[in-house]
Structure formats: C-alpha cells, structure tokens
Amino acid sequence: MFTNRLLFRRMSSWVAASTALLGGGPRRLRHPAIIDDGFVFEHSAHGMSHASTLCVSQGRLVAAWFGGSLESRPDVSILVSLNEGDGWSPPREVANGVQPGGERLACWNPVLFQPSGGPLLLFYKVGARPKTWWGMCMRSADGGLSWSEPWRLPEGVLGPIKNKPVELAAGELLSPSSIEHQGWRVHLERSRDLGVSWERIEPLDSDRPLQAIQPSVLRYADGRLQLLCRSKHGRLAESWSLDGGDRWSALELTVLPNPNSGTDAVSLADGRQLLVYNRSKRRRSKLGIALSRDGRRWRDVLQLEGGAGEYSYPAVIQAPDGLVHLSYSWNLSRIRHVVVDPARL
C-alpha cells in the first residue's frame, strides 16, 4: 500500500509526462494550481454516471458514484473505484437496491466519509424517487477493498444527502441533509457514536422559507459553522450556527449564483473556505472554484469547465498532504477527477 505522500507524488509525476484533458478536448493544463486531471474511467457499461464522492482511507483514494441506464431507474447501483497511485481500479458494484422480496429500486447520491477513528463509511439512498427514498449505510475496515452488508438508517434519518459530514469535537458527526417531498427543506443529522445512532436537528425555517437542499458544512476558527445550499432561487442559500450546530439562523440567499445544481465545499487547513459550484443562474456548463476567508466575500479563482455540456455535482476534499481533490459528473457519462494545490490559488 502506498502512503499518501507517495500516492500524490505519483499523481504529480503523471502530469510531467502527459497532456491533460480539460473541457473535453486535449490541451495543456491552463492553471498552475492544477497538478493532475483525468477520468476515473474511460468507458462504462452504464448509460449514466453521476453524483460522485471522494475520500482518502488507509493511504488510498476512494471514489464512489451511482451508475445505471438513467437516474431513478431500478438498475442504478453504487459503484466504487480505488486509486493507490498507479491509476484507478475498474469500477465495481458495492450496493444495489434489490429488496428482500426481489423488487429492485434505484440507488442515489453516495457519500463517503472517513472518521478520524473507525471504519470508512459509505452512505447512500434507495427508492423510486426522492419523495420515498430512505437512507442506507455500509462500512469498510480496509479502506474500500471490502464492504459490510448495508443497513437501513433509522426512520426519518436520510444520512448526508449529497455532501460529506464533518467531524466535530469528541468524534461527533454532523451530517448535512434535506428533503424534497414537503417543499425543499434543509436539516442536520447528528451522531455521537460514528453513525450507530442518530438525532435529527429540525428544518431551518424562516418567515419566508427558501426552497433549498443539499447543504455543505464549513467550519471556522472561532467555532462558527456555515451551511451553503443549492436553491431554486438562482443563488446559493446559507445558514450559520454559533453553538456547534444545535441552532441555526434562518436560510438567506447569498450573492453566489446557482442554476439549481449541487455544489460542495471544504474548510482548508489554512483557514480559507473552498467552494466548487456552477457559476450561473441557468446552466450547468460553467464549473469553477471560489475561495473565501469569512464565508461572505467569495473570489472566483479557477475555472474547471466552460464549454458546451453539463459539468455538475462536484465533490471536494483536502487530503492529509494538503492537496485538494475534486470530482464531478462530466456530461452525466463519466466522472472527472482533478487534483489542485491550494497554495497556488
């Protein structure tokens, strides 16, 4: 098994000997912060690949996504690929929606998370549509090589709906979640025992409730927490907590445009906040990175995609060596993986 440092050194060496593919055509890497770029797989038996997620576990990079003929169809399953520094392994199915009676339902929106202690967790949803889906979870004790039998989360707990949880003091997991069947509403779910049991922090209401889902959680040095959410209102929505996630401010719209599309964000080790999003009110063709120190003022620093097509549903993490890894859906057919050095942004 390669260490993280060796894994990412190998990734960097690939760039020196190859041409990157950005925006679907061959061209040189156009920003000095991008040190690697490519696809998790070149060809797939699935007509649609979407909603990827990333983590580092036991020195290897793990990616997961859902794949099938089309979103919501019964053949859609959860796929996983591993990277130890010598390229991505062939995708393999680790979960599907086959029920005890034989009926098969679609799988949705996997989320990988590696707690500081304990096994790697993989959350996902099962159901014909978001109105009726439920949360599932499985564990891996060997960094994604093998997986436990999946189990259903408690009634009313969906797990992280698209983006990763954050781990707070004493191992507490705070999971960003939402529902779509009673209006779009954001809520949080908390576990104090690494996902064995959960409690739900009720929806973030306001006098004029905003239609928002799929939050990301950001952390600040002074203890504040921030949610950034997809919305139906042409801009990202936000909420703030001053008490470790027990209470949250009413959702408000930010200045950041959003074409009703998923985003993801991560709090960097240097104190900056990094957001990956579609900078548009209408289309998912422009995808880029923005940075902020305070969560209020954001600066666009790198455009990942800008041509015709759909580039959406990003996931982003910072690895132990400080490099940022992000993945996203490339025309809903492949998963693109990009490695960024945040010191160069």
Protein backbone atom coordinates (compact mmCIF):
# COMPACT_ATOMS: atom_id res chain seq x y z
CA MET A 1 0.00 0.00 0.00
CA PHE A 2 1.31 3.42 -0.89
CA THR A 3 1.46 6.21 1.65
CA ASN A 4 -0.48 9.39 0.92
CA ARG A 5 2.72 11.27 0.12
CA LEU A 6 3.85 8.67 -2.41
CA LEU A 7 0.37 8.40 -3.89
CA PHE A 8 0.14 12.09 -4.64
CA ARG A 9 3.79 12.33 -5.74
CA ARG A 10 2.99 9.72 -8.37
CA MET A 11 -0.07 11.69 -9.43
CA SER A 12 2.09 14.76 -9.91
CA SER A 13 4.61 12.83 -11.98
CA TRP A 14 1.92 11.78 -14.44
CA VAL A 15 1.39 15.42 -15.38
CA ALA A 16 5.01 15.95 -16.44
CA ALA A 17 4.72 13.17 -18.98
CA SER A 18 1.20 13.67 -20.31
CA THR A 19 -1.34 16.11 -21.66
CA ALA A 20 -4.38 16.88 -19.52
CA LEU A 21 -7.93 16.87 -20.83
CA LEU A 22 -9.93 19.87 -19.72
CA GLY A 23 -13.32 20.74 -21.15
CA GLY A 24 -13.41 17.57 -23.27
CA GLY A 25 -10.52 18.30 -25.61
CA PRO A 26 -6.73 17.87 -25.38
CA ARG A 27 -4.91 20.94 -24.11
CA ARG A 28 -2.17 21.88 -21.68
CA LEU A 29 -3.08 22.42 -18.06
CA ARG A 30 -4.15 26.04 -18.04
CA HIS A 31 -3.72 26.89 -14.36
CA PRO A 32 -0.59 26.28 -12.26
CA ALA A 33 -2.70 25.06 -9.33
CA ILE A 34 -3.94 22.02 -11.29
CA ILE A 35 -1.40 19.23 -10.87
CA ASP A 36 -3.46 16.33 -12.23
CA ASP A 37 -6.66 15.87 -14.22
CA GLY A 38 -8.35 12.90 -15.83
CA PHE A 39 -11.25 10.48 -15.73
CA VAL A 40 -11.87 7.81 -13.10
CA PHE A 41 -12.85 5.52 -16.01
CA GLU A 42 -12.80 5.95 -19.77
CA HIS A 43 -15.59 3.54 -20.71
CA SER A 44 -18.56 2.26 -18.78
CA ALA A 45 -21.39 -0.19 -19.31
CA HIS A 46 -23.70 2.35 -17.69
CA GLY A 47 -25.51 4.98 -19.70
CA MET A 48 -25.39 7.43 -16.80
CA SER A 49 -22.73 8.05 -14.13
CA HIS A 50 -23.45 10.79 -11.62
CA ALA A 51 -23.20 12.16 -8.07
CA SER A 52 -19.62 11.19 -7.23
CA THR A 53 -17.97 11.35 -3.81
CA LEU A 54 -14.33 11.12 -2.67
CA CYS A 55 -12.29 10.32 0.41
CA VAL A 56 -8.82 9.17 1.45
CA SER A 57 -8.76 5.99 3.53
CA GLN A 58 -5.72 3.96 4.62
CA GLY A 59 -3.45 5.69 2.11
CA ARG A 60 -5.65 5.23 -0.95
CA LEU A 61 -8.09 7.46 -2.73
CA VAL A 62 -11.64 6.09 -2.87
CA ALA A 63 -14.34 7.31 -5.28
CA ALA A 64 -17.99 6.29 -5.47
CA TRP A 65 -20.94 7.32 -7.64
CA PHE A 66 -24.21 5.94 -8.93
CA GLY A 67 -24.41 4.31 -12.34
CA GLY A 68 -27.16 2.79 -14.45
CA SER A 69 -29.25 3.32 -17.54
CA LEU A 70 -30.76 6.57 -16.19
CA GLU A 71 -31.28 8.26 -12.83
CA SER A 72 -34.20 6.74 -10.85
CA ARG A 73 -34.36 3.52 -12.88
CA PRO A 74 -34.18 0.25 -10.92
CA ASP A 75 -30.85 -0.80 -12.42
CA VAL A 76 -28.99 2.16 -10.87
CA SER A 77 -26.42 0.93 -8.32
CA ILE A 78 -23.50 2.29 -6.27
CA LEU A 79 -20.05 1.85 -7.85
CA VAL A 80 -16.61 2.23 -6.26
CA SER A 81 -13.09 2.69 -7.68
CA LEU A 82 -9.77 2.84 -5.80
CA ASN A 83 -6.52 4.64 -6.57
CA GLU A 84 -3.24 3.78 -4.81
CA GLY A 85 -1.08 5.93 -7.07
CA ASP A 86 -0.97 3.76 -10.17
CA GLY A 87 -4.36 4.67 -11.65
CA TRP A 88 -7.98 3.93 -10.87
CA SER A 89 -9.18 0.37 -10.45
CA PRO A 90 -12.08 -0.82 -12.65
CA PRO A 91 -15.42 0.29 -11.18
CA ARG A 92 -17.23 -2.38 -9.21
CA GLU A 93 -20.72 -2.50 -7.78
CA VAL A 94 -20.81 -2.48 -3.98
CA ALA A 95 -24.52 -1.85 -3.39
CA ASN A 96 -27.81 -2.09 -5.24
CA GLY A 97 -31.46 -1.60 -4.44
CA VAL A 98 -32.59 -5.24 -4.52
CA GLN A 99 -35.20 -5.75 -1.80
CA PRO A 100 -35.83 -8.94 0.24
CA GLY A 101 -38.87 -9.76 -1.90
CA GLY A 102 -36.91 -9.42 -5.14
CA GLU A 103 -38.06 -5.96 -6.21
CA ARG A 104 -35.22 -3.69 -7.29
CA LEU A 105 -35.20 0.06 -6.67
CA ALA A 106 -32.79 2.81 -7.70
CA CYS A 107 -29.78 3.85 -5.62
CA TRP A 108 -28.88 7.54 -5.27
CA ASN A 109 -26.23 10.02 -4.10
CA PRO A 110 -23.47 8.04 -2.35
CA VAL A 111 -21.40 9.89 0.28
CA LEU A 112 -18.04 8.58 1.52
CA PHE A 113 -16.66 9.66 4.87
CA GLN A 114 -13.57 8.54 6.81
CA PRO A 115 -13.85 9.43 10.52
CA SER A 116 -10.65 10.04 12.46
CA GLY A 117 -11.26 6.73 14.21
CA GLY A 118 -13.18 3.72 13.00
CA PRO A 119 -14.03 2.32 9.58
CA LEU A 120 -14.72 4.09 6.32
CA LEU A 121 -18.45 4.87 5.93
CA LEU A 122 -20.50 4.85 2.71
CA PHE A 123 -23.96 6.41 2.85
CA TYR A 124 -26.49 6.24 0.02
CA LYS A 125 -30.23 6.37 -0.64
CA VAL A 126 -32.63 3.74 -2.03
CA GLY A 127 -36.06 4.38 -3.53
CA ALA A 128 -38.01 5.08 -6.67
CA ARG A 129 -37.77 8.85 -6.15
CA PRO A 130 -36.66 11.37 -3.50
CA LYS A 131 -40.17 11.52 -2.06
CA THR A 132 -40.00 7.88 -0.99
CA TRP A 133 -36.28 7.11 -0.66
CA TRP A 134 -34.58 6.10 2.60
CA GLY A 135 -31.02 6.20 3.94
CA MET A 136 -28.59 3.28 3.87
CA CYS A 137 -25.05 2.83 5.19
CA MET A 138 -22.20 0.32 4.97
CA ARG A 139 -18.67 0.11 6.41
CA SER A 140 -15.23 -0.82 5.16
CA ALA A 141 -12.47 -1.74 7.61
CA ASP A 142 -9.80 -1.98 4.88
CA GLY A 143 -10.03 1.34 3.05
CA GLY A 144 -12.63 0.36 0.47
CA LEU A 145 -11.30 -3.08 -0.52
CA SER A 146 -14.26 -4.88 1.03
CA TRP A 147 -17.59 -3.77 2.47
CA SER A 148 -20.01 -4.85 5.16
CA GLU A 149 -23.61 -5.73 4.48
CA PRO A 150 -25.61 -2.49 4.19
CA TRP A 151 -28.13 -1.49 6.83
CA ARG A 152 -31.02 0.91 6.82
CA LEU A 153 -30.70 4.12 8.82
CA PRO A 154 -33.36 4.87 11.46
CA GLU A 155 -36.78 6.08 10.35
CA GLY A 156 -36.63 9.77 9.46
CA VAL A 157 -32.82 9.77 9.08
CA LEU A 158 -31.61 10.01 5.48
CA GLY A 159 -27.88 10.41 6.13
CA PRO A 160 -25.79 13.02 4.30
CA ILE A 161 -27.99 13.80 1.31
CA LYS A 162 -25.18 14.68 -1.15
CA ASN A 163 -22.18 16.17 0.67
CA LYS A 164 -19.91 14.77 3.37
CA PRO A 165 -20.43 15.08 7.13
CA VAL A 166 -17.98 16.97 9.31
CA GLU A 167 -16.43 15.57 12.46
CA LEU A 168 -16.67 17.90 15.45
CA ALA A 169 -15.23 17.59 18.96
CA ALA A 170 -15.11 14.16 20.60
CA GLY A 171 -15.87 12.39 17.33
CA GLU A 172 -19.35 13.83 16.85
CA LEU A 173 -20.54 13.63 13.23
CA LEU A 174 -22.71 16.41 11.84
CA SER A 175 -24.40 15.31 8.65
CA PRO A 176 -25.93 17.83 6.20
CA SER A 177 -29.26 16.61 4.85
CA SER A 178 -32.54 17.73 3.27
CA ILE A 179 -35.92 16.57 2.00
CA GLU A 180 -37.76 17.30 -1.25
CA HIS A 181 -41.29 15.98 -0.66
CA GLN A 182 -42.69 18.68 1.68
CA GLY A 183 -41.11 21.57 -0.13
CA TRP A 184 -37.34 21.71 -0.30
CA ARG A 185 -36.16 21.89 3.32
CA VAL A 186 -32.70 21.62 4.88
CA HIS A 187 -31.95 19.88 8.16
CA LEU A 188 -28.97 18.36 10.03
CA GLU A 189 -28.47 14.90 11.50
CA ARG A 190 -26.02 14.23 14.34
CA SER A 191 -24.33 11.05 15.54
CA ARG A 192 -22.20 10.77 18.68
CA ASP A 193 -21.17 7.15 18.05
CA LEU A 194 -19.78 7.13 14.48
CA GLY A 195 -23.10 6.54 12.79
CA VAL A 196 -24.61 3.86 15.03
CA SER A 197 -27.38 6.14 16.33
CA TRP A 198 -28.64 9.50 15.11
CA GLU A 199 -30.62 12.52 16.21
CA ARG A 200 -32.23 14.98 13.85
CA ILE A 201 -31.89 18.77 14.06
CA GLU A 202 -35.15 20.04 12.63
CA PRO A 203 -35.51 22.03 9.37
CA LEU A 204 -34.15 25.55 9.12
CA ASP A 205 -37.32 27.61 8.81
CA SER A 206 -37.80 31.33 8.32
CA ASP A 207 -40.71 33.74 7.81
CA ARG A 208 -40.32 33.17 4.06
CA PRO A 209 -38.89 29.64 3.82
CA LEU A 210 -36.44 29.27 0.97
CA GLN A 211 -36.54 26.23 -1.31
CA ALA A 212 -33.09 24.75 -0.64
CA ILE A 213 -31.45 21.30 -0.42
CA GLN A 214 -28.06 19.55 -0.42
CA PRO A 215 -26.05 21.61 2.11
CA SER A 216 -22.30 21.59 2.69
CA VAL A 217 -20.86 22.34 6.15
CA LEU A 218 -17.96 24.75 6.63
CA ARG A 219 -16.04 25.34 9.88
CA TYR A 220 -14.33 28.50 11.16
CA ALA A 221 -11.55 29.00 13.67
CA ASP A 222 -13.87 30.88 16.07
CA GLY A 223 -16.24 27.89 16.26
CA ARG A 224 -18.89 29.10 13.81
CA LEU A 225 -20.42 26.70 11.31
CA GLN A 226 -21.86 27.67 7.93
CA LEU A 227 -24.17 25.83 5.54
CA LEU A 228 -24.09 26.51 1.81
CA CYS A 229 -27.08 25.05 -0.05
CA ARG A 230 -28.43 24.55 -3.55
CA SER A 231 -31.64 26.51 -4.11
CA LYS A 232 -34.47 27.16 -6.56
CA HIS A 233 -33.91 30.91 -6.36
CA GLY A 234 -30.97 31.48 -8.71
CA ARG A 235 -28.46 31.84 -5.86
CA LEU A 236 -26.90 29.69 -3.16
CA ALA A 237 -28.52 29.86 0.27
CA GLU A 238 -26.68 29.96 3.60
CA SER A 239 -27.25 29.46 7.31
CA TRP A 240 -24.98 29.97 10.33
CA SER A 241 -24.60 28.30 13.74
CA LEU A 242 -22.80 29.82 16.72
CA ASP A 243 -23.26 26.88 19.11
CA GLY A 244 -21.75 23.86 17.37
CA GLY A 245 -24.76 23.04 15.25
CA ASP A 246 -27.60 22.97 17.79
CA ARG A 247 -29.29 26.10 16.46
CA TRP A 248 -29.13 27.67 13.03
CA SER A 249 -30.09 31.02 11.56
CA ALA A 250 -32.87 31.22 9.00
CA LEU A 251 -31.76 30.47 5.47
CA GLU A 252 -30.84 33.52 3.42
CA LEU A 253 -29.68 33.92 -0.17
CA THR A 254 -26.02 34.69 -0.86
CA VAL A 255 -24.63 36.65 -3.80
CA LEU A 256 -23.36 33.41 -5.36
CA PRO A 257 -25.30 32.33 -8.48
CA ASN A 258 -26.75 28.82 -8.66
CA PRO A 259 -28.62 27.16 -11.56
CA ASN A 260 -30.49 24.82 -9.18
CA SER A 261 -27.48 22.50 -9.13
CA GLY A 262 -25.49 20.69 -6.46
CA THR A 263 -22.30 22.21 -5.03
CA ASP A 264 -19.69 21.14 -2.49
CA ALA A 265 -17.28 22.98 -0.21
CA VAL A 266 -14.44 22.25 2.21
CA SER A 267 -12.69 24.15 5.00
CA LEU A 268 -8.98 24.20 4.18
CA ALA A 269 -6.25 23.68 6.76
CA ASP A 270 -5.01 27.25 6.18
CA GLY A 271 -8.36 28.73 7.27
CA ARG A 272 -9.73 29.50 3.81
CA GLN A 273 -13.04 28.13 2.58
CA LEU A 274 -13.12 26.49 -0.86
CA LEU A 275 -16.34 26.15 -2.89
CA VAL A 276 -16.87 24.23 -6.14
CA TYR A 277 -20.00 25.37 -7.99
CA ASN A 278 -21.68 26.17 -11.29
CA ARG A 279 -21.30 29.92 -11.60
CA SER A 280 -24.54 30.58 -13.47
CA LYS A 281 -28.22 31.12 -12.75
CA ARG A 282 -29.41 28.88 -15.56
CA ARG A 283 -26.89 26.38 -16.92
CA ARG A 284 -24.55 23.72 -15.55
CA SER A 285 -21.88 24.25 -18.20
CA LYS A 286 -19.55 26.54 -16.23
CA LEU A 287 -17.88 24.94 -13.22
CA GLY A 288 -15.23 26.53 -11.07
CA ILE A 289 -13.62 27.12 -7.67
CA ALA A 290 -14.14 30.11 -5.38
CA LEU A 291 -12.31 31.00 -2.16
CA SER A 292 -13.31 32.98 0.92
CA ARG A 293 -11.84 33.88 4.29
CA ASP A 294 -15.08 34.84 6.02
CA GLY A 295 -17.79 32.94 4.11
CA ARG A 296 -19.34 36.23 2.97
CA ARG A 297 -17.00 37.54 0.31
CA TRP A 298 -16.08 34.98 -2.34
CA ARG A 299 -13.50 35.25 -5.09
CA ASP A 300 -13.54 33.05 -8.19
CA VAL A 301 -10.02 31.71 -8.66
CA LEU A 302 -10.15 28.80 -11.14
CA GLN A 303 -12.49 27.72 -13.92
CA LEU A 304 -12.62 23.96 -14.41
CA GLU A 305 -15.13 23.78 -17.25
CA GLY A 306 -16.74 26.34 -19.50
CA GLY A 307 -17.69 24.70 -22.78
CA ALA A 308 -20.93 23.22 -24.05
CA GLY A 309 -22.18 20.31 -21.99
CA GLU A 310 -23.10 19.58 -18.39
CA TYR A 311 -20.44 19.57 -15.64
CA SER A 312 -22.16 19.16 -12.31
CA TYR A 313 -22.49 17.67 -8.84
CA PRO A 314 -18.94 18.29 -7.60
CA ALA A 315 -17.39 16.67 -4.53
CA VAL A 316 -14.28 18.10 -2.86
CA ILE A 317 -11.90 17.05 -0.05
CA GLN A 318 -8.49 18.07 1.24
CA ALA A 319 -6.10 15.11 1.60
CA PRO A 320 -3.69 14.73 4.57
CA ASP A 321 -0.81 16.12 2.48
CA GLY A 322 -2.76 19.33 1.81
CA LEU A 323 -3.71 18.71 -1.82
CA VAL A 324 -7.33 19.22 -2.81
CA HIS A 325 -9.13 16.50 -4.74
CA LEU A 326 -12.39 17.12 -6.52
CA SER A 327 -14.63 15.05 -8.77
CA TYR A 328 -17.68 15.88 -10.82
CA SER A 329 -20.07 14.50 -13.43
CA TRP A 330 -18.80 15.02 -16.95
CA ASN A 331 -21.81 15.14 -19.29
CA LEU A 332 -23.52 12.65 -16.94
CA SER A 333 -21.49 9.86 -18.57
CA ARG A 334 -18.09 9.86 -16.79
CA ILE A 335 -16.55 11.05 -13.54
CA ARG A 336 -13.70 13.55 -13.80
CA HIS A 337 -11.02 13.77 -11.08
CA VAL A 338 -8.88 16.88 -10.60
CA VAL A 339 -6.04 17.45 -8.11
CA VAL A 340 -5.35 21.04 -7.06
CA ASP A 341 -2.58 22.58 -4.96
CA PRO A 342 -4.44 25.21 -2.87
CA ALA A 343 -1.17 27.04 -2.13
CA ARG A 344 -1.16 28.09 -5.80
CA LEU A 345 -4.66 29.55 -5.72
